[in-house]
Amino acid sequence: MDRRPSTRTSDFASTLDAAIRERGLTLAELRRRLEHLGTPISESALRFWRTGARRPEHRHSLDVLDNLEDILGLGRGDLTARLGPSRRLRRSRADATDSIAGTPGVLQPLLETIGCVDLAELERLSDSVVIEIGADRRIRSASNRSLWRSRVEGGRRLMVPLSIDSPTESRPTISVRGAEEGRWAYDSATGWAVWELLLPRGLAIGETAVVEYSCTDIVDTEDVTHFACSAERRLAHAGLWVRFDGDPPRWNERIEEDDTGLSTSVISPMGSSVHRTVQDFGPGLFGLRWTW
């Protein structure tokens, strides 16, 4: 199957890349200007748009494009006119993996690299994620405790997809409990990686297992302003707890994105941390973002 971006999407990406180069701006500078204009977006999302690995889809993303055209000195519609019709389709079980990344074809090659067709052996029922932010405003550690249920007889393989903002050539170190680390695959062009974790034994259909994994050698080159979790299928319950070393950010917001679009709501910190929970959610993304 041809996994190259469509001609229209490639045209959008090449136009954006050329405009950024002509202006001599870094993605970090673009992100700061967009945030100042009230349309915050992650540096990784800008990188995906620029390379054609992901495309703007929802209302918020289109608002970002309007400001992006102004910042880059482009005419109104110079970017949006090159998007073409939306490629978002009703998600099926087969493409549930790449719905995490936002663009079909991004995660599937990584899964094939480590010998996995999809994420069908085990389904995630619940998630609890804890993020530690240091006084330098960088992520010190990220941990996840999740409950999995086997969908097949003998199921024991689960896959952990992760978007890595800072390019890396070495395999990040993760600490795993309840399973052992298997293979991994990473695509520096898109910033996505996939880990294989193996349970101690195969599960019977419907049997559950708890797995916990954490990562402490995370390299950030910019102040962290958001963290989002993905749900490739519907989750009964999930939570995200972000803890700050010192004073919390001055402004915090919940974010959710699924087939219905992007929704946000402002929240107040609890001491030096913020948290949020979702129930019966997915497929989609949920998370927190903040302003220092």
Protein backbone atom coordinates (compact mmCIF):
# COMPACT_ATOMS: atom_id res chain seq x y z
CA MET A 1 0.00 0.00 0.00
CA ASP A 2 1.29 3.47 -0.90
CA ARG A 3 1.72 5.38 2.37
CA ARG A 4 2.87 8.66 0.88
CA PRO A 5 0.79 11.77 1.70
CA SER A 6 -1.76 12.76 -0.91
CA THR A 7 -0.69 15.33 -3.52
CA ARG A 8 -2.94 17.96 -1.95
CA THR A 9 -1.54 17.33 1.54
CA SER A 10 2.03 17.32 0.18
CA ASP A 11 1.29 20.67 -1.48
CA PHE A 12 0.11 22.04 1.87
CA ALA A 13 3.22 20.73 3.65
CA SER A 14 5.63 22.05 1.02
CA THR A 15 3.97 25.49 1.04
CA LEU A 16 4.17 25.66 4.83
CA ASP A 17 7.79 24.47 4.85
CA ALA A 18 8.82 27.02 2.20
CA ALA A 19 7.13 29.88 4.08
CA ILE A 20 8.80 28.92 7.37
CA ARG A 21 12.21 28.75 5.69
CA GLU A 22 11.69 32.09 3.94
CA ARG A 23 10.80 33.79 7.22
CA GLY A 24 13.70 32.12 9.03
CA LEU A 25 11.53 31.12 11.98
CA THR A 26 11.97 28.09 14.22
CA LEU A 27 9.00 25.94 15.21
CA ALA A 28 9.51 27.06 18.81
CA GLU A 29 9.16 30.70 17.73
CA LEU A 30 6.03 29.90 15.73
CA ARG A 31 4.51 28.09 18.69
CA ARG A 32 5.12 31.07 20.99
CA ARG A 33 3.60 33.55 18.52
CA LEU A 34 0.55 31.37 17.96
CA GLU A 35 0.05 30.98 21.71
CA HIS A 36 0.29 34.76 22.12
CA LEU A 37 -2.47 35.14 19.50
CA GLY A 38 -4.75 32.79 21.44
CA THR A 39 -4.32 29.70 19.26
CA PRO A 40 -1.90 27.44 21.19
CA ILE A 41 -0.58 24.33 19.49
CA SER A 42 2.30 21.96 20.18
CA GLU A 43 5.64 22.14 18.42
CA SER A 44 5.27 18.48 17.43
CA ALA A 45 1.94 19.19 15.67
CA LEU A 46 3.59 21.98 13.67
CA ARG A 47 6.40 19.60 12.72
CA PHE A 48 3.89 16.96 11.58
CA TRP A 49 2.07 19.54 9.44
CA ARG A 50 5.34 20.74 7.95
CA THR A 51 6.44 17.23 6.93
CA GLY A 52 3.02 16.08 5.76
CA ALA A 53 2.84 13.37 8.43
CA ARG A 54 -0.32 14.92 9.86
CA ARG A 55 -2.82 17.48 8.60
CA PRO A 56 -5.04 20.09 10.30
CA GLU A 57 -8.57 18.75 10.76
CA HIS A 58 -10.65 20.36 13.50
CA ARG A 59 -11.98 23.88 14.03
CA HIS A 60 -9.15 24.85 16.40
CA SER A 61 -6.55 23.70 13.87
CA LEU A 62 -8.16 25.83 11.17
CA ASP A 63 -8.08 28.83 13.53
CA VAL A 64 -4.37 28.14 13.98
CA LEU A 65 -3.92 28.18 10.20
CA ASP A 66 -5.49 31.65 9.94
CA ASN A 67 -2.94 33.06 12.38
CA LEU A 68 -0.15 31.02 10.81
CA GLU A 69 -0.84 32.61 7.44
CA ASP A 70 -0.58 36.06 9.03
CA ILE A 71 2.66 35.27 10.86
CA LEU A 72 4.27 33.85 7.71
CA GLY A 73 3.11 36.72 5.51
CA LEU A 74 0.88 34.52 3.36
CA GLY A 75 -2.41 35.52 1.80
CA ARG A 76 -5.67 34.50 3.43
CA GLY A 77 -6.41 30.91 2.38
CA ASP A 78 -2.93 30.17 0.99
CA LEU A 79 -2.64 27.22 3.39
CA THR A 80 -6.25 26.16 3.94
CA ALA A 81 -6.94 26.04 0.19
CA ARG A 82 -4.24 23.38 -0.15
CA LEU A 83 -5.78 20.98 2.36
CA GLY A 84 -8.47 19.54 0.15
CA PRO A 85 -11.35 17.47 1.58
CA SER A 86 -11.03 16.00 5.06
CA ARG A 87 -9.62 12.49 5.26
CA ARG A 88 -11.29 11.72 8.60
CA LEU A 89 -13.38 8.57 8.27
CA ARG A 90 -15.40 6.53 10.69
CA ARG A 91 -12.83 4.52 12.63
CA SER A 92 -12.78 0.76 12.18
CA ARG A 93 -10.96 -1.81 14.25
CA ALA A 94 -8.28 -2.09 11.55
CA ASP A 95 -7.33 1.58 11.58
CA ALA A 96 -7.76 2.21 15.32
CA THR A 97 -3.98 2.21 15.74
CA ASP A 98 -3.28 5.12 13.43
CA SER A 99 -6.21 7.15 14.77
CA ILE A 100 -3.88 7.82 17.72
CA ALA A 101 -1.41 9.64 15.50
CA GLY A 102 -4.12 11.53 13.61
CA THR A 103 -3.03 10.37 10.14
CA PRO A 104 -3.51 6.92 8.56
CA GLY A 105 -0.21 5.17 7.84
CA VAL A 106 1.88 6.71 10.64
CA LEU A 107 1.83 3.95 13.26
CA GLN A 108 1.07 0.92 11.10
CA PRO A 109 4.59 0.72 9.56
CA LEU A 110 6.09 0.84 13.07
CA LEU A 111 3.81 -1.98 14.22
CA GLU A 112 4.76 -4.04 11.17
CA THR A 113 8.46 -3.44 11.96
CA ILE A 114 8.07 -5.21 15.29
CA GLY A 115 5.83 -7.92 13.85
CA CYS A 116 2.42 -6.69 14.99
CA VAL A 117 -0.49 -6.20 12.61
CA ASP A 118 -2.64 -4.21 15.06
CA LEU A 119 -3.46 -3.83 18.75
CA ALA A 120 -6.01 -6.64 18.80
CA GLU A 121 -4.62 -9.07 21.41
CA LEU A 122 -5.32 -6.95 24.48
CA GLU A 123 -7.70 -4.05 24.99
CA ARG A 124 -7.03 -1.28 27.47
CA LEU A 125 -9.87 -0.78 29.96
CA SER A 126 -8.47 2.04 32.09
CA ASP A 127 -5.46 4.33 32.36
CA SER A 128 -3.83 6.36 35.13
CA VAL A 129 -1.03 8.69 34.00
CA VAL A 130 1.24 10.78 36.25
CA ILE A 131 3.57 13.45 34.86
CA GLU A 132 6.25 15.18 36.95
CA ILE A 133 7.31 18.66 35.80
CA GLY A 134 10.56 20.03 37.25
CA ALA A 135 11.34 23.59 38.35
CA ASP A 136 12.99 24.06 34.93
CA ARG A 137 9.55 23.46 33.36
CA ARG A 138 10.70 20.22 31.70
CA ILE A 139 9.24 16.74 32.16
CA ARG A 140 11.23 14.79 34.76
CA SER A 141 9.24 11.58 34.55
CA ALA A 142 6.12 10.05 33.05
CA SER A 143 4.39 6.95 34.39
CA ASN A 144 1.34 4.96 33.37
CA ARG A 145 -0.64 2.26 35.17
CA SER A 146 -3.22 0.54 32.99
CA LEU A 147 -5.68 -2.34 33.14
CA TRP A 148 -5.79 -4.66 30.13
CA ARG A 149 -8.19 -7.43 29.12
CA SER A 150 -7.41 -10.21 26.68
CA ARG A 151 -9.54 -10.35 23.55
CA VAL A 152 -8.02 -13.64 22.35
CA GLU A 153 -6.92 -16.92 23.90
CA GLY A 154 -3.29 -16.64 25.01
CA GLY A 155 -3.08 -12.87 24.57
CA ARG A 156 0.06 -11.35 26.11
CA ARG A 157 1.39 -8.64 23.75
CA LEU A 158 0.51 -4.99 24.20
CA MET A 159 1.82 -1.98 22.34
CA VAL A 160 2.67 1.42 23.79
CA PRO A 161 2.67 4.27 21.23
CA LEU A 162 4.44 7.50 22.21
CA SER A 163 5.03 10.82 20.47
CA ILE A 164 8.59 12.03 21.13
CA ASP A 165 8.93 15.80 20.67
CA SER A 166 12.75 15.82 20.83
CA PRO A 167 14.47 13.83 18.05
CA THR A 168 16.46 10.88 19.39
CA GLU A 169 18.69 8.19 17.97
CA SER A 170 18.89 6.14 21.16
CA ARG A 171 16.14 4.05 22.69
CA PRO A 172 14.64 5.82 25.74
CA THR A 173 14.80 3.79 28.95
CA ILE A 174 11.49 2.66 30.41
CA SER A 175 10.89 0.83 33.68
CA VAL A 176 8.17 -1.83 33.43
CA ARG A 177 6.21 -3.73 36.09
CA GLY A 178 3.75 -6.51 35.34
CA ALA A 179 5.35 -7.13 31.93
CA GLU A 180 8.71 -7.20 30.21
CA GLU A 181 9.98 -4.91 27.50
CA GLY A 182 10.18 -6.35 23.99
CA ARG A 183 10.99 -4.68 20.71
CA TRP A 184 10.58 -1.07 19.72
CA ALA A 185 10.40 0.98 16.51
CA TYR A 186 10.87 4.72 15.99
CA ASP A 187 10.29 7.07 13.06
CA SER A 188 12.28 10.31 13.42
CA ALA A 189 10.32 11.90 10.55
CA THR A 190 7.03 11.78 12.46
CA GLY A 191 8.33 11.62 16.04
CA TRP A 192 6.28 8.50 16.83
CA ALA A 193 7.63 5.40 18.59
CA VAL A 194 6.02 2.07 19.52
CA TRP A 195 7.11 -0.26 22.34
CA GLU A 196 6.19 -3.92 22.63
CA LEU A 197 5.46 -5.14 26.18
CA LEU A 198 4.98 -8.83 26.99
CA LEU A 199 2.96 -10.22 29.90
CA PRO A 200 4.58 -13.05 31.93
CA ARG A 201 2.08 -15.52 30.41
CA GLY A 202 -0.77 -15.65 27.96
CA LEU A 203 -4.23 -14.71 29.26
CA ALA A 204 -7.52 -16.48 28.77
CA ILE A 205 -10.23 -14.59 26.90
CA GLY A 206 -11.64 -11.95 29.26
CA GLU A 207 -8.79 -12.30 31.78
CA THR A 208 -7.21 -9.04 32.93
CA ALA A 209 -3.72 -7.84 33.88
CA VAL A 210 -2.28 -4.64 35.34
CA VAL A 211 0.84 -3.14 33.73
CA GLU A 212 2.85 -0.15 34.91
CA TYR A 213 5.61 1.58 32.98
CA SER A 214 7.56 4.80 33.46
CA CYS A 215 10.21 6.83 31.68
CA THR A 216 12.70 9.24 33.29
CA ASP A 217 15.22 10.02 30.53
CA ILE A 218 12.93 12.40 28.66
CA VAL A 219 14.75 15.18 26.78
CA ASP A 220 12.86 18.47 26.38
CA THR A 221 14.37 21.52 24.71
CA GLU A 222 11.40 23.81 25.40
CA ASP A 223 9.17 24.65 28.34
CA VAL A 224 6.45 22.00 28.50
CA THR A 225 3.01 23.53 28.01
CA HIS A 226 0.78 20.49 27.48
CA PHE A 227 0.42 16.74 27.83
CA ALA A 228 -2.15 14.55 26.08
CA CYS A 229 -3.09 10.87 26.33
CA SER A 230 -4.48 8.75 23.51
CA ALA A 231 -7.33 6.25 23.50
CA GLU A 232 -7.27 3.97 20.47
CA ARG A 233 -10.55 2.40 21.65
CA ARG A 234 -13.17 3.39 24.20
CA LEU A 235 -11.88 3.54 27.78
CA ALA A 236 -14.14 2.97 30.77
CA HIS A 237 -12.03 5.33 32.87
CA ALA A 238 -8.81 7.32 32.50
CA GLY A 239 -7.01 9.95 34.54
CA LEU A 240 -4.12 12.37 34.05
CA TRP A 241 -2.31 13.98 36.99
CA VAL A 242 0.35 16.63 36.28
CA ARG A 243 2.50 17.60 39.28
CA PHE A 244 4.68 20.71 39.26
CA ASP A 245 7.85 21.26 41.29
CA GLY A 246 7.13 24.70 42.73
CA ASP A 247 4.41 27.13 41.73
CA PRO A 248 1.89 25.78 39.21
CA PRO A 249 1.24 27.56 35.89
CA ARG A 250 -0.95 30.66 36.01
CA TRP A 251 -3.54 29.19 33.64
CA ASN A 252 -4.69 25.59 33.08
CA GLU A 253 -7.12 24.05 30.64
CA ARG A 254 -8.63 20.65 29.89
CA ILE A 255 -8.58 19.50 26.27
CA GLU A 256 -10.43 16.72 24.48
CA GLU A 257 -10.37 15.79 20.81
CA ASP A 258 -12.39 13.10 19.07
CA ASP A 259 -14.52 12.72 15.95
CA THR A 260 -16.83 15.49 17.16
CA GLY A 261 -13.98 18.02 17.31
CA LEU A 262 -11.90 19.81 19.95
CA SER A 263 -13.36 20.94 23.29
CA THR A 264 -11.66 22.88 26.10
CA SER A 265 -12.48 24.10 29.61
CA VAL A 266 -10.50 26.10 32.17
CA ILE A 267 -9.65 24.41 35.51
CA SER A 268 -8.08 25.56 38.78
CA PRO A 269 -4.98 23.86 40.23
CA MET A 270 -5.11 21.78 43.39
CA GLY A 271 -2.04 22.99 45.25
CA SER A 272 0.90 22.52 42.88
CA SER A 273 -0.84 20.07 40.55
CA VAL A 274 -3.70 19.75 38.10
CA HIS A 275 -5.64 16.64 37.17
CA ARG A 276 -8.52 15.48 35.04
CA THR A 277 -10.51 12.31 34.46
CA VAL A 278 -12.67 10.98 31.64
CA GLN A 279 -15.22 8.18 31.57
CA ASP A 280 -16.49 6.15 28.65
CA PHE A 281 -14.14 8.04 26.34
CA GLY A 282 -12.54 7.28 23.00
CA PRO A 283 -11.24 6.91 20.43
CA GLY A 284 -9.49 10.25 20.72
CA LEU A 285 -7.12 12.40 22.76
CA PHE A 286 -7.57 13.96 26.19
CA GLY A 287 -5.14 16.04 28.19
CA LEU A 288 -4.13 19.26 29.87
CA ARG A 289 -2.38 22.38 28.69
CA TRP A 290 -1.16 25.39 30.58
CA THR A 291 0.50 28.81 30.38
CA TRP A 292 3.44 29.69 32.62
